[in-house]
């Protein structure tokens, strides 16, 4: 998949595409339906299959003091989009100036003059342009006038509730990663570079790889059964493990941290990029009266996580 951070002077190999447009934070099953529809059109018409998205997320621009909420920061989002088979990803920088672009100008400058899009696909609730006046009805009308086709993908649900990023966030906050996985179509992941810690886990026999959450949505604090992926060149090698997400109250911690202990692993992970998939919630975070009760509980957590992951 080719990635472009501009929409002008594009090579002929990616113009004239069927392009799915959206913020696509999460790449959940609803997003996959929108992107997949663009892929169906592209393959049928033998034209490029593309996705157009925005970074940073518009919410970060309009409400910079908002609590962290991202489900898929750009690196994760790009990987998930690539895994669907997309040919080209257009990433437009979203800032205050871009937000002033009218909906009509967005269609003319970006979709027509820039991408030369032949078919545009969006979700039913996609809005764009200054004051969010652009919508599916405008794209349909402009398409007929300007010579591109448009498809609006209806809401996708599981028979009861619509798949949405908001639904994923609610599941994570409610300590239900299994329900979040059902909306995403895969486990929710937190990824980042392993940072130097105080090495306390190593001294008690449970070394951990520590990751700060950055812009990620905060799941419920507590202990999780996890799978952790270590990047090795172009491949990711997965290991079972157990992780604590929280403030480490036994040691009066103050910074939120994801501490991951991998089973049967003794390598050095410092400065490595780690992907941590939250599989199942085990228990809330708690404070222990000393190291021995903590060690005993970590042992129990590990045994339970192994049983869950093996099952």
Protein backbone atom coordinates (compact mmCIF):
# COMPACT_ATOMS: atom_id res chain seq x y z
CA UNK A 1 0.00 0.00 0.00
CA UNK A 2 1.28 3.44 -0.95
CA UNK A 3 0.79 6.32 1.50
CA UNK A 4 0.44 9.93 0.33
CA UNK A 5 0.25 12.96 2.60
CA UNK A 6 -0.93 15.27 -0.17
CA UNK A 7 -3.61 15.28 -2.85
CA UNK A 8 -1.91 17.16 -5.68
CA UNK A 9 0.58 15.95 -8.30
CA UNK A 10 -0.32 12.32 -7.64
CA UNK A 11 1.02 9.57 -9.90
CA UNK A 12 -1.34 8.15 -12.51
CA UNK A 13 -1.23 4.77 -10.75
CA UNK A 14 -3.40 6.04 -7.88
CA UNK A 15 -5.65 8.65 -9.50
CA UNK A 16 -9.05 7.73 -10.85
CA UNK A 17 -9.70 5.50 -7.86
CA UNK A 18 -12.67 4.21 -5.95
CA UNK A 19 -12.01 5.99 -2.65
CA UNK A 20 -13.54 5.49 0.78
CA UNK A 21 -13.61 8.67 2.89
CA UNK A 22 -13.76 8.95 6.65
CA UNK A 23 -11.90 9.43 9.91
CA UNK A 24 -11.92 5.64 10.40
CA UNK A 25 -10.67 5.68 14.01
CA UNK A 26 -10.85 2.04 15.02
CA UNK A 27 -11.27 0.40 11.60
CA UNK A 28 -14.17 -1.51 13.16
CA UNK A 29 -16.57 -3.72 11.22
CA UNK A 30 -18.63 -0.72 10.12
CA UNK A 31 -15.53 1.03 8.76
CA UNK A 32 -14.47 -2.19 7.08
CA UNK A 33 -17.83 -2.32 5.27
CA UNK A 34 -17.28 1.19 3.88
CA UNK A 35 -13.70 0.49 2.82
CA UNK A 36 -14.70 -2.92 1.49
CA UNK A 37 -17.42 -1.39 -0.70
CA UNK A 38 -14.79 0.86 -2.29
CA UNK A 39 -12.71 -2.25 -2.87
CA UNK A 40 -15.59 -4.07 -4.53
CA UNK A 41 -16.15 -1.14 -6.89
CA UNK A 42 -12.43 -0.82 -7.60
CA UNK A 43 -11.96 -4.47 -8.47
CA UNK A 44 -15.09 -4.55 -10.62
CA UNK A 45 -13.95 -1.48 -12.55
CA UNK A 46 -10.25 -2.40 -12.52
CA UNK A 47 -9.31 0.93 -10.94
CA UNK A 48 -7.20 1.72 -7.85
CA UNK A 49 -8.69 1.04 -4.40
CA UNK A 50 -8.04 3.97 -2.08
CA UNK A 51 -8.86 5.36 1.35
CA UNK A 52 -8.83 9.05 2.27
CA UNK A 53 -8.54 9.97 5.94
CA UNK A 54 -7.46 12.85 8.16
CA UNK A 55 -4.67 13.29 10.70
CA UNK A 56 -4.74 14.41 13.38
CA UNK A 57 -8.30 13.40 14.13
CA UNK A 58 -10.54 16.50 13.77
CA UNK A 59 -11.65 16.13 17.38
CA UNK A 60 -8.07 16.83 18.47
CA UNK A 61 -8.13 20.12 16.53
CA UNK A 62 -11.56 21.32 17.63
CA UNK A 63 -11.19 20.15 21.24
CA UNK A 64 -7.48 19.88 22.10
CA UNK A 65 -8.16 19.53 25.84
CA UNK A 66 -10.34 16.44 25.33
CA UNK A 67 -9.33 13.29 27.20
CA UNK A 68 -7.36 10.78 25.09
CA UNK A 69 -9.77 8.87 22.87
CA UNK A 70 -7.93 7.34 19.90
CA UNK A 71 -8.56 3.67 19.15
CA UNK A 72 -6.08 3.57 16.28
CA UNK A 73 -3.35 6.22 16.16
CA UNK A 74 -2.03 6.66 12.64
CA UNK A 75 0.52 3.83 12.63
CA UNK A 76 -2.12 1.35 13.79
CA UNK A 77 -4.78 2.73 11.46
CA UNK A 78 -2.49 2.50 8.44
CA UNK A 79 -1.61 -1.11 9.27
CA UNK A 80 -5.24 -2.13 9.61
CA UNK A 81 -6.18 -0.43 6.34
CA UNK A 82 -3.28 -2.09 4.54
CA UNK A 83 -4.36 -5.48 5.85
CA UNK A 84 -7.66 -5.07 3.97
CA UNK A 85 -5.82 -4.97 0.64
CA UNK A 86 -6.10 -1.24 -0.12
CA UNK A 87 -3.81 0.11 -2.86
CA UNK A 88 -3.37 3.72 -1.70
CA UNK A 89 -3.94 5.68 1.51
CA UNK A 90 -4.32 9.46 1.29
CA UNK A 91 -3.69 11.16 4.63
CA UNK A 92 -4.71 14.82 4.67
CA UNK A 93 -3.32 17.07 7.40
CA UNK A 94 -6.25 18.44 9.37
CA UNK A 95 -5.74 21.80 11.05
CA UNK A 96 -7.65 25.04 11.61
CA UNK A 97 -7.00 26.23 8.06
CA UNK A 98 -8.15 22.95 6.51
CA UNK A 99 -11.28 23.10 8.66
CA UNK A 100 -12.21 26.38 6.92
CA UNK A 101 -12.40 24.64 3.53
CA UNK A 102 -15.99 24.61 2.36
CA UNK A 103 -17.67 21.33 1.48
CA UNK A 104 -17.91 22.38 -2.18
CA UNK A 105 -14.22 23.31 -2.28
CA UNK A 106 -13.27 20.01 -0.66
CA UNK A 107 -15.08 18.14 -3.40
CA UNK A 108 -13.57 20.27 -6.17
CA UNK A 109 -10.01 20.63 -4.91
CA UNK A 110 -9.47 17.26 -3.26
CA UNK A 111 -11.78 14.72 -4.87
CA UNK A 112 -11.97 16.06 -8.43
CA UNK A 113 -8.80 18.10 -9.14
CA UNK A 114 -6.57 16.15 -6.76
CA UNK A 115 -7.62 12.50 -6.72
CA UNK A 116 -9.67 12.54 -9.94
CA UNK A 117 -11.91 10.12 -8.09
CA UNK A 118 -14.17 7.98 -10.24
CA UNK A 119 -16.22 6.58 -7.36
CA UNK A 120 -16.56 7.93 -3.80
CA UNK A 121 -17.80 5.84 -0.88
CA UNK A 122 -18.67 7.03 2.63
CA UNK A 123 -20.62 5.93 5.64
CA UNK A 124 -24.16 7.21 6.14
CA UNK A 125 -23.07 9.61 8.91
CA UNK A 126 -20.01 11.14 7.23
CA UNK A 127 -19.94 14.97 7.32
CA UNK A 128 -17.25 17.31 6.06
CA UNK A 129 -16.35 20.87 5.14
CA UNK A 130 -16.61 24.11 7.06
CA UNK A 131 -19.36 23.91 9.69
CA UNK A 132 -19.85 20.25 8.71
CA UNK A 133 -22.40 21.11 6.01
CA UNK A 134 -21.15 18.44 3.59
CA UNK A 135 -22.94 15.09 3.72
CA UNK A 136 -24.00 12.13 1.58
CA UNK A 137 -26.72 14.11 -0.18
CA UNK A 138 -24.19 16.73 -1.31
CA UNK A 139 -21.73 14.08 -2.52
CA UNK A 140 -24.48 12.36 -4.50
CA UNK A 141 -25.60 15.61 -6.13
CA UNK A 142 -22.07 16.82 -6.89
CA UNK A 143 -21.16 13.44 -8.28
CA UNK A 144 -23.98 13.62 -10.80
CA UNK A 145 -22.89 17.15 -11.75
CA UNK A 146 -19.15 16.52 -11.88
CA UNK A 147 -18.99 13.00 -13.24
CA UNK A 148 -18.11 10.72 -10.32
CA UNK A 149 -20.24 8.00 -8.80
CA UNK A 150 -21.13 7.93 -5.12
CA UNK A 151 -22.20 5.18 -2.72
CA UNK A 152 -23.51 5.78 0.79
CA UNK A 153 -23.05 2.72 3.01
CA UNK A 154 -25.83 2.24 5.53
CA UNK A 155 -25.25 1.49 9.21
CA UNK A 156 -23.83 -1.96 9.88
CA UNK A 157 -24.88 -3.77 13.04
CA UNK A 158 -24.81 -7.12 14.80
CA UNK A 159 -28.56 -7.46 14.80
CA UNK A 160 -28.97 -5.30 17.89
CA UNK A 161 -26.50 -2.38 17.94
CA UNK A 162 -24.67 -0.41 15.26
CA UNK A 163 -20.91 -0.91 15.03
CA UNK A 164 -19.26 2.36 16.03
CA UNK A 165 -16.10 3.78 17.58
CA UNK A 166 -18.17 5.12 20.47
CA UNK A 167 -19.41 1.60 21.19
CA UNK A 168 -15.83 0.30 21.28
CA UNK A 169 -14.81 3.02 23.73
CA UNK A 170 -17.73 2.22 26.03
CA UNK A 171 -16.77 -1.47 26.02
CA UNK A 172 -13.17 -0.68 26.94
CA UNK A 173 -14.18 1.68 29.74
CA UNK A 174 -16.57 -1.00 31.04
CA UNK A 175 -13.69 -3.53 31.26
CA UNK A 176 -15.12 -5.65 28.44
CA UNK A 177 -12.39 -6.15 25.82
CA UNK A 178 -14.23 -9.19 24.46
CA UNK A 179 -17.20 -7.01 23.51
CA UNK A 180 -14.84 -4.43 22.01
CA UNK A 181 -13.25 -7.19 19.93
CA UNK A 182 -16.69 -8.18 18.59
CA UNK A 183 -17.16 -4.64 17.24
CA UNK A 184 -13.62 -4.29 15.91
CA UNK A 185 -13.43 -7.73 14.38
CA UNK A 186 -10.12 -8.27 16.21
CA UNK A 187 -8.73 -7.61 19.70
CA UNK A 188 -8.12 -4.00 20.72
CA UNK A 189 -4.40 -3.21 20.69
CA UNK A 190 -2.18 -0.70 22.43
CA UNK A 191 1.19 -0.29 20.81
CA UNK A 192 4.25 1.76 21.53
CA UNK A 193 7.95 1.75 22.25
CA UNK A 194 9.05 -0.11 25.37
CA UNK A 195 10.47 2.41 27.84
CA UNK A 196 12.98 2.11 30.63
CA UNK A 197 11.24 1.45 33.93
CA UNK A 198 12.39 1.02 37.52
CA UNK A 199 13.09 -2.70 36.88
CA UNK A 200 11.13 -3.59 40.00
CA UNK A 201 9.32 -6.41 38.20
CA UNK A 202 12.61 -8.08 37.37
CA UNK A 203 13.64 -8.11 41.04
CA UNK A 204 10.47 -10.02 42.03
CA UNK A 205 10.68 -12.52 39.18
CA UNK A 206 8.17 -10.91 36.81
CA UNK A 207 10.00 -8.62 34.37
CA UNK A 208 7.71 -6.29 32.45
CA UNK A 209 7.80 -4.25 29.27
CA UNK A 210 6.41 -0.80 30.01
CA UNK A 211 4.40 1.31 27.56
CA UNK A 212 2.83 4.74 28.06
CA UNK A 213 -0.62 5.08 26.50
CA UNK A 214 -0.15 8.46 24.83
CA UNK A 215 -3.28 9.36 22.85
CA UNK A 216 -4.98 5.98 23.27
CA UNK A 217 -8.42 5.64 24.78
CA UNK A 218 -7.99 4.55 28.40
CA UNK A 219 -9.49 1.11 29.02
CA UNK A 220 -10.50 0.22 32.57
CA UNK A 221 -7.54 -0.07 34.91
CA UNK A 222 -6.77 -3.62 35.91
CA UNK A 223 -5.13 -6.87 34.92
CA UNK A 224 -5.60 -8.41 31.46
CA UNK A 225 -4.73 -11.59 29.64
CA UNK A 226 -2.85 -10.31 26.59
CA UNK A 227 -0.99 -11.27 23.48
CA UNK A 228 2.04 -9.14 22.71
CA UNK A 229 3.53 -8.78 19.25
CA UNK A 230 7.21 -7.99 18.81
CA UNK A 231 8.23 -6.48 15.50
CA UNK A 232 11.04 -8.45 13.91
CA UNK A 233 11.74 -6.90 10.55
CA UNK A 234 8.61 -7.16 8.45
CA UNK A 235 7.08 -9.81 10.72
CA UNK A 236 5.41 -9.66 14.11
CA UNK A 237 6.04 -12.52 16.53
CA UNK A 238 3.28 -12.99 19.12
CA UNK A 239 3.70 -14.11 22.74
CA UNK A 240 1.15 -14.83 25.44
CA UNK A 241 1.29 -12.76 28.58
CA UNK A 242 -0.43 -10.90 31.38
CA UNK A 243 -0.51 -7.13 31.82
CA UNK A 244 -1.40 -4.55 34.42
CA UNK A 245 -2.86 -1.26 33.25
CA UNK A 246 -2.89 1.37 35.95
CA UNK A 247 -1.00 3.42 38.51
CA UNK A 248 0.73 0.65 40.50
CA UNK A 249 -0.83 1.62 43.89
CA UNK A 250 1.34 -0.84 45.83
CA UNK A 251 4.30 1.37 44.93
CA UNK A 252 2.41 4.70 45.02
CA UNK A 253 2.73 5.15 41.28
CA UNK A 254 1.42 8.33 39.67
CA UNK A 255 1.73 7.76 35.90
CA UNK A 256 -0.65 5.52 34.00
CA UNK A 257 1.37 2.66 32.55
CA UNK A 258 0.79 -0.62 30.73
CA UNK A 259 3.15 -3.21 32.22
CA UNK A 260 3.34 -6.41 30.18
CA UNK A 261 4.87 -9.67 31.41
CA UNK A 262 5.49 -12.22 28.66
CA UNK A 263 5.44 -15.91 29.54
CA UNK A 264 8.60 -17.90 28.81
CA UNK A 265 10.44 -14.88 27.38
CA UNK A 266 13.78 -13.58 28.61
CA UNK A 267 14.90 -11.23 25.81
CA UNK A 268 15.59 -7.51 26.08
CA UNK A 269 12.64 -5.45 24.82
CA UNK A 270 13.87 -1.95 25.68
CA UNK A 271 13.31 0.43 22.75
CA UNK A 272 11.51 -2.27 20.78
CA UNK A 273 8.08 -1.55 19.30
CA UNK A 274 5.45 -3.69 21.02
CA UNK A 275 1.83 -4.40 20.09
CA UNK A 276 -0.32 -5.48 23.03
CA UNK A 277 -3.72 -7.04 22.32
CA UNK A 278 -6.13 -6.99 25.28
CA UNK A 279 -7.83 -10.40 25.23
CA UNK A 280 -9.75 -10.67 28.50
CA UNK A 281 -10.12 -8.64 31.69
CA UNK A 282 -9.06 -10.55 34.81
CA UNK A 283 -9.57 -8.22 37.75
CA UNK A 284 -9.38 -4.58 38.90
CA UNK A 285 -6.07 -3.08 39.95
CA UNK A 286 -5.48 -3.28 43.69
CA UNK A 287 -2.99 -2.30 46.38
CA UNK A 288 -1.11 -5.05 48.28
CA UNK A 289 0.48 -5.00 51.72
CA UNK A 290 4.00 -5.83 50.57
CA UNK A 291 5.79 -7.80 47.88
CA UNK A 292 4.85 -11.34 48.91
CA UNK A 293 1.07 -10.89 48.51
CA UNK A 294 1.74 -9.08 45.23
CA UNK A 295 3.93 -11.91 43.92
CA UNK A 296 1.33 -14.50 44.93
CA UNK A 297 -1.43 -12.62 43.11
CA UNK A 298 0.71 -12.12 39.97
CA UNK A 299 1.30 -15.88 39.93
CA UNK A 300 -2.43 -16.52 40.10
CA UNK A 301 -3.08 -13.91 37.41
CA UNK A 302 -0.52 -15.55 35.17
CA UNK A 303 -2.03 -19.01 35.61
CA UNK A 304 -5.49 -17.71 34.82
CA UNK A 305 -4.25 -15.77 31.78
CA UNK A 306 -2.45 -18.87 30.45
CA UNK A 307 -5.62 -20.92 30.78
CA UNK A 308 -7.68 -18.29 28.95
CA UNK A 309 -5.16 -17.85 26.15
CA UNK A 310 -4.64 -21.58 25.67
CA UNK A 311 -8.40 -22.03 25.42
